[in-house]
Amino acid sequence: MLPSFPPAVLALADGSIFSGQSIGAPGETSGEVVFNTALTGYQEIITDPSYARQLVTLTYPHIGNVGVNAQDAESAKIYAAGLIIKDLSARVSNFRAEDSLDHYLRAAKVPGIAGIDTRKLTRLLRDRGAQSGAIVAGKI
């Protein structure tokens, strides 16, 4: 958990609400909530144009530990509208890292939310089908 980060909320079209901590840029974003079960490659996922205008849920619990770098980007910008994760690593540990995931999202003005039970969210999406959602991150 990130106790020093401001609060954030993820709201789904079916009325489900998830509370967590704001990561990345403060603000609001919306889109189709999708999930990815990959164990690695979070930077590649959020910079992949196929995730444009989507709120990407990463099911692997610890995200951000290897940071980000120019070589791992699939494109020159983040295409995902928002990022949903369980736990943002407090420390970046990789010789290739040029920045943290939090700073990378901030620089691109992409809101995200951490502290979410991503397994529960993934089961909900699997069982109830695709849904639109919104992240409100920062001052709530």
C-alpha atoms as a PDB file:
ATOM      1  CA  MET A   1       0.000   0.000   0.000  1.00  0.00           C
ATOM      2  CA  LEU A   2       1.004   3.594  -0.548  1.00  0.00           C
ATOM      3  CA  PRO A   3      -0.110   5.519   2.554  1.00  0.00           C
ATOM      4  CA  SER A   4       1.413   8.824   1.425  1.00  0.00           C
ATOM      5  CA  PHE A   5      -0.411   8.847  -1.904  1.00  0.00           C
ATOM      6  CA  PRO A   6      -3.775  10.662  -2.205  1.00  0.00           C
ATOM      7  CA  PRO A   7      -6.990   8.626  -2.380  1.00  0.00           C
ATOM      8  CA  ALA A   8      -8.472   7.381  -5.638  1.00  0.00           C
ATOM      9  CA  VAL A   9     -11.650   5.601  -6.699  1.00  0.00           C
ATOM     10  CA  LEU A  10     -12.453   3.220  -9.543  1.00  0.00           C
ATOM     11  CA  ALA A  11     -16.161   3.135 -10.438  1.00  0.00           C
ATOM     12  CA  LEU A  12     -17.625   0.590 -12.858  1.00  0.00           C
ATOM     13  CA  ALA A  13     -20.773   0.909 -14.959  1.00  0.00           C
ATOM     14  CA  ASP A  14     -22.504  -1.797 -12.886  1.00  0.00           C
ATOM     15  CA  GLY A  15     -22.107   0.337  -9.746  1.00  0.00           C
ATOM     16  CA  SER A  16     -19.094  -1.477  -8.293  1.00  0.00           C
ATOM     17  CA  ILE A  17     -16.728   0.862  -6.457  1.00  0.00           C
ATOM     18  CA  PHE A  18     -13.082   0.173  -5.584  1.00  0.00           C
ATOM     19  CA  SER A  19     -11.101   2.512  -3.324  1.00  0.00           C
ATOM     20  CA  GLY A  20      -7.333   2.840  -3.460  1.00  0.00           C
ATOM     21  CA  GLN A  21      -4.446   5.275  -3.775  1.00  0.00           C
ATOM     22  CA  SER A  22      -3.747   7.653  -6.623  1.00  0.00           C
ATOM     23  CA  ILE A  23      -0.688   6.939  -8.765  1.00  0.00           C
ATOM     24  CA  GLY A  24       0.449   8.796 -11.833  1.00  0.00           C
ATOM     25  CA  ALA A  25      -1.293  12.042 -12.707  1.00  0.00           C
ATOM     26  CA  PRO A  26      -4.119  13.395 -10.577  1.00  0.00           C
ATOM     27  CA  GLY A  27      -7.405  13.744 -12.405  1.00  0.00           C
ATOM     28  CA  GLU A  28     -10.194  11.757 -13.978  1.00  0.00           C
ATOM     29  CA  THR A  29     -10.223   9.281 -16.831  1.00  0.00           C
ATOM     30  CA  SER A  30     -12.666   6.775 -18.256  1.00  0.00           C
ATOM     31  CA  GLY A  31     -12.792   3.926 -20.717  1.00  0.00           C
ATOM     32  CA  GLU A  32     -13.391   0.214 -21.097  1.00  0.00           C
ATOM     33  CA  VAL A  33     -11.892  -1.669 -18.146  1.00  0.00           C
ATOM     34  CA  VAL A  34      -9.707  -4.532 -19.386  1.00  0.00           C
ATOM     35  CA  PHE A  35      -7.145  -6.822 -17.784  1.00  0.00           C
ATOM     36  CA  ASN A  36      -3.783  -8.310 -18.687  1.00  0.00           C
ATOM     37  CA  THR A  37      -2.350 -11.357 -16.907  1.00  0.00           C
ATOM     38  CA  ALA A  38       1.286 -10.962 -18.009  1.00  0.00           C
ATOM     39  CA  LEU A  39       3.910 -11.236 -15.276  1.00  0.00           C
ATOM     40  CA  THR A  40       6.196  -8.666 -16.902  1.00  0.00           C
ATOM     41  CA  GLY A  41       6.063  -5.962 -19.539  1.00  0.00           C
ATOM     42  CA  TYR A  42       3.885  -3.307 -17.905  1.00  0.00           C
ATOM     43  CA  GLN A  43       5.604  -0.524 -19.869  1.00  0.00           C
ATOM     44  CA  GLU A  44       5.073  -2.375 -23.135  1.00  0.00           C
ATOM     45  CA  ILE A  45       1.402  -2.929 -22.262  1.00  0.00           C
ATOM     46  CA  ILE A  46       0.524   0.695 -21.495  1.00  0.00           C
ATOM     47  CA  THR A  47       2.393   1.993 -24.578  1.00  0.00           C
ATOM     48  CA  ASP A  48       0.742  -0.534 -26.916  1.00  0.00           C
ATOM     49  CA  PRO A  49      -1.749   1.239 -29.238  1.00  0.00           C
ATOM     50  CA  SER A  50      -4.185  -1.693 -28.905  1.00  0.00           C
ATOM     51  CA  TYR A  51      -4.926  -0.450 -25.355  1.00  0.00           C
ATOM     52  CA  ALA A  52      -5.949   3.042 -26.514  1.00  0.00           C
ATOM     53  CA  ARG A  53      -8.739   4.578 -24.415  1.00  0.00           C
ATOM     54  CA  GLN A  54      -8.819   1.584 -22.056  1.00  0.00           C
ATOM     55  CA  LEU A  55      -8.288   1.335 -18.305  1.00  0.00           C
ATOM     56  CA  VAL A  56      -5.748  -1.463 -18.041  1.00  0.00           C
ATOM     57  CA  THR A  57      -5.816  -3.753 -15.001  1.00  0.00           C
ATOM     58  CA  LEU A  58      -2.588  -5.657 -14.364  1.00  0.00           C
ATOM     59  CA  THR A  59      -3.257  -8.853 -12.420  1.00  0.00           C
ATOM     60  CA  TYR A  60       0.330  -9.451 -11.298  1.00  0.00           C
ATOM     61  CA  PRO A  61       0.424  -8.014  -7.761  1.00  0.00           C
ATOM     62  CA  HIS A  62       3.734  -6.076  -7.743  1.00  0.00           C
ATOM     63  CA  ILE A  63       4.183  -3.515 -10.513  1.00  0.00           C
ATOM     64  CA  GLY A  64       6.884  -0.917 -11.087  1.00  0.00           C
ATOM     65  CA  ASN A  65       9.914  -2.630  -9.581  1.00  0.00           C
ATOM     66  CA  VAL A  66      12.022  -2.422 -12.770  1.00  0.00           C
ATOM     67  CA  GLY A  67      11.039   1.154 -13.624  1.00  0.00           C
ATOM     68  CA  VAL A  68      10.736   2.339 -17.223  1.00  0.00           C
ATOM     69  CA  ASN A  69      13.164   3.100 -20.038  1.00  0.00           C
ATOM     70  CA  ALA A  70      13.025   4.242 -23.653  1.00  0.00           C
ATOM     71  CA  GLN A  71      13.975   0.828 -25.057  1.00  0.00           C
ATOM     72  CA  ASP A  72      10.941  -0.958 -23.587  1.00  0.00           C
ATOM     73  CA  ALA A  73       8.261   1.379 -24.945  1.00  0.00           C
ATOM     74  CA  GLU A  74       6.128   0.002 -27.776  1.00  0.00           C
ATOM     75  CA  SER A  75       5.463   3.553 -28.983  1.00  0.00           C
ATOM     76  CA  ALA A  76       6.391   7.127 -28.132  1.00  0.00           C
ATOM     77  CA  LYS A  77       3.446   7.646 -25.751  1.00  0.00           C
ATOM     78  CA  ILE A  78       1.188   5.902 -23.280  1.00  0.00           C
ATOM     79  CA  TYR A  79      -1.996   4.801 -25.050  1.00  0.00           C
ATOM     80  CA  ALA A  80      -3.830   3.377 -22.025  1.00  0.00           C
ATOM     81  CA  ALA A  81      -6.297   5.876 -20.561  1.00  0.00           C
ATOM     82  CA  GLY A  82      -5.518   4.686 -17.037  1.00  0.00           C
ATOM     83  CA  LEU A  83      -3.745   2.012 -15.014  1.00  0.00           C
ATOM     84  CA  ILE A  84      -5.197  -0.217 -12.277  1.00  0.00           C
ATOM     85  CA  ILE A  85      -2.803  -2.200 -10.066  1.00  0.00           C
ATOM     86  CA  LYS A  86      -2.586  -3.860  -6.678  1.00  0.00           C
ATOM     87  CA  ASP A  87       0.814  -2.702  -5.409  1.00  0.00           C
ATOM     88  CA  LEU A  88       3.183  -0.073  -6.804  1.00  0.00           C
ATOM     89  CA  SER A  89       6.775  -0.868  -5.923  1.00  0.00           C
ATOM     90  CA  ALA A  90       8.237   1.797  -3.634  1.00  0.00           C
ATOM     91  CA  ARG A  91      11.704   1.252  -5.087  1.00  0.00           C
ATOM     92  CA  VAL A  92      12.968   0.883  -8.648  1.00  0.00           C
ATOM     93  CA  SER A  93      15.765  -1.653  -8.969  1.00  0.00           C
ATOM     94  CA  ASN A  94      17.062  -2.176 -12.506  1.00  0.00           C
ATOM     95  CA  PHE A  95      20.253  -0.995 -14.157  1.00  0.00           C
ATOM     96  CA  ARG A  96      18.246  -0.058 -17.275  1.00  0.00           C
ATOM     97  CA  ALA A  97      15.678   2.056 -15.409  1.00  0.00           C
ATOM     98  CA  GLU A  98      15.487   5.702 -16.441  1.00  0.00           C
ATOM     99  CA  ASP A  99      12.435   6.645 -14.381  1.00  0.00           C
ATOM    100  CA  SER A 100       9.776   5.229 -12.059  1.00  0.00           C
ATOM    101  CA  LEU A 101       6.391   4.081 -13.332  1.00  0.00           C
ATOM    102  CA  ASP A 102       4.675   6.718 -11.176  1.00  0.00           C
ATOM    103  CA  HIS A 103       6.727   9.558 -12.695  1.00  0.00           C
ATOM    104  CA  TYR A 104       6.260   8.115 -16.195  1.00  0.00           C
ATOM    105  CA  LEU A 105       2.458   8.158 -15.781  1.00  0.00           C
ATOM    106  CA  ARG A 106       2.592  11.659 -14.278  1.00  0.00           C
ATOM    107  CA  ALA A 107       4.669  13.026 -17.157  1.00  0.00           C
ATOM    108  CA  ALA A 108       2.146  11.585 -19.638  1.00  0.00           C
ATOM    109  CA  LYS A 109      -0.810  12.940 -17.593  1.00  0.00           C
ATOM    110  CA  VAL A 110      -2.238   9.421 -17.165  1.00  0.00           C
ATOM    111  CA  PRO A 111      -4.117   8.728 -13.901  1.00  0.00           C
ATOM    112  CA  GLY A 112      -3.865   5.412 -12.147  1.00  0.00           C
ATOM    113  CA  ILE A 113      -5.018   3.654  -9.017  1.00  0.00           C
ATOM    114  CA  ALA A 114      -3.155   1.247  -6.719  1.00  0.00           C
ATOM    115  CA  GLY A 115      -4.338  -0.780  -3.752  1.00  0.00           C
ATOM    116  CA  ILE A 116      -7.032  -2.547  -5.776  1.00  0.00           C
ATOM    117  CA  ASP A 117      -7.824  -6.251  -5.425  1.00  0.00           C
ATOM    118  CA  THR A 118      -7.077  -6.889  -9.093  1.00  0.00           C
ATOM    119  CA  ARG A 119      -8.003 -10.580  -8.835  1.00  0.00           C
ATOM    120  CA  LYS A 120     -11.488  -9.641  -7.613  1.00  0.00           C
ATOM    121  CA  LEU A 121     -11.815  -7.023 -10.366  1.00  0.00           C
ATOM    122  CA  THR A 122     -10.685  -9.517 -13.018  1.00  0.00           C
ATOM    123  CA  ARG A 123     -13.206 -12.116 -11.831  1.00  0.00           C
ATOM    124  CA  LEU A 124     -15.931  -9.470 -11.924  1.00  0.00           C
ATOM    125  CA  LEU A 125     -15.037  -8.542 -15.518  1.00  0.00           C
ATOM    126  CA  ARG A 126     -14.834 -12.197 -16.522  1.00  0.00           C
ATOM    127  CA  ASP A 127     -18.193 -13.060 -14.941  1.00  0.00           C
ATOM    128  CA  ARG A 128     -20.174  -9.916 -15.842  1.00  0.00           C
ATOM    129  CA  GLY A 129     -18.520  -9.037 -19.134  1.00  0.00           C
ATOM    130  CA  ALA A 130     -16.858  -5.915 -20.440  1.00  0.00           C
ATOM    131  CA  GLN A 131     -17.671  -2.709 -18.596  1.00  0.00           C
ATOM    132  CA  SER A 132     -16.932   0.941 -18.815  1.00  0.00           C
ATOM    133  CA  GLY A 133     -15.301   2.521 -15.816  1.00  0.00           C
ATOM    134  CA  ALA A 134     -13.793   5.695 -14.455  1.00  0.00           C
ATOM    135  CA  ILE A 135     -10.818   6.498 -12.262  1.00  0.00           C
ATOM    136  CA  VAL A 136     -10.900   9.600 -10.093  1.00  0.00           C
ATOM    137  CA  ALA A 137      -7.401  10.085  -8.712  1.00  0.00           C
ATOM    138  CA  GLY A 138      -6.076  12.739  -6.391  1.00  0.00           C
ATOM    139  CA  LYS A 139      -8.327  15.095  -4.484  1.00  0.00           C
ATOM    140  CA  ILE A 140     -11.668  13.393  -3.954  1.00  0.00           C
END
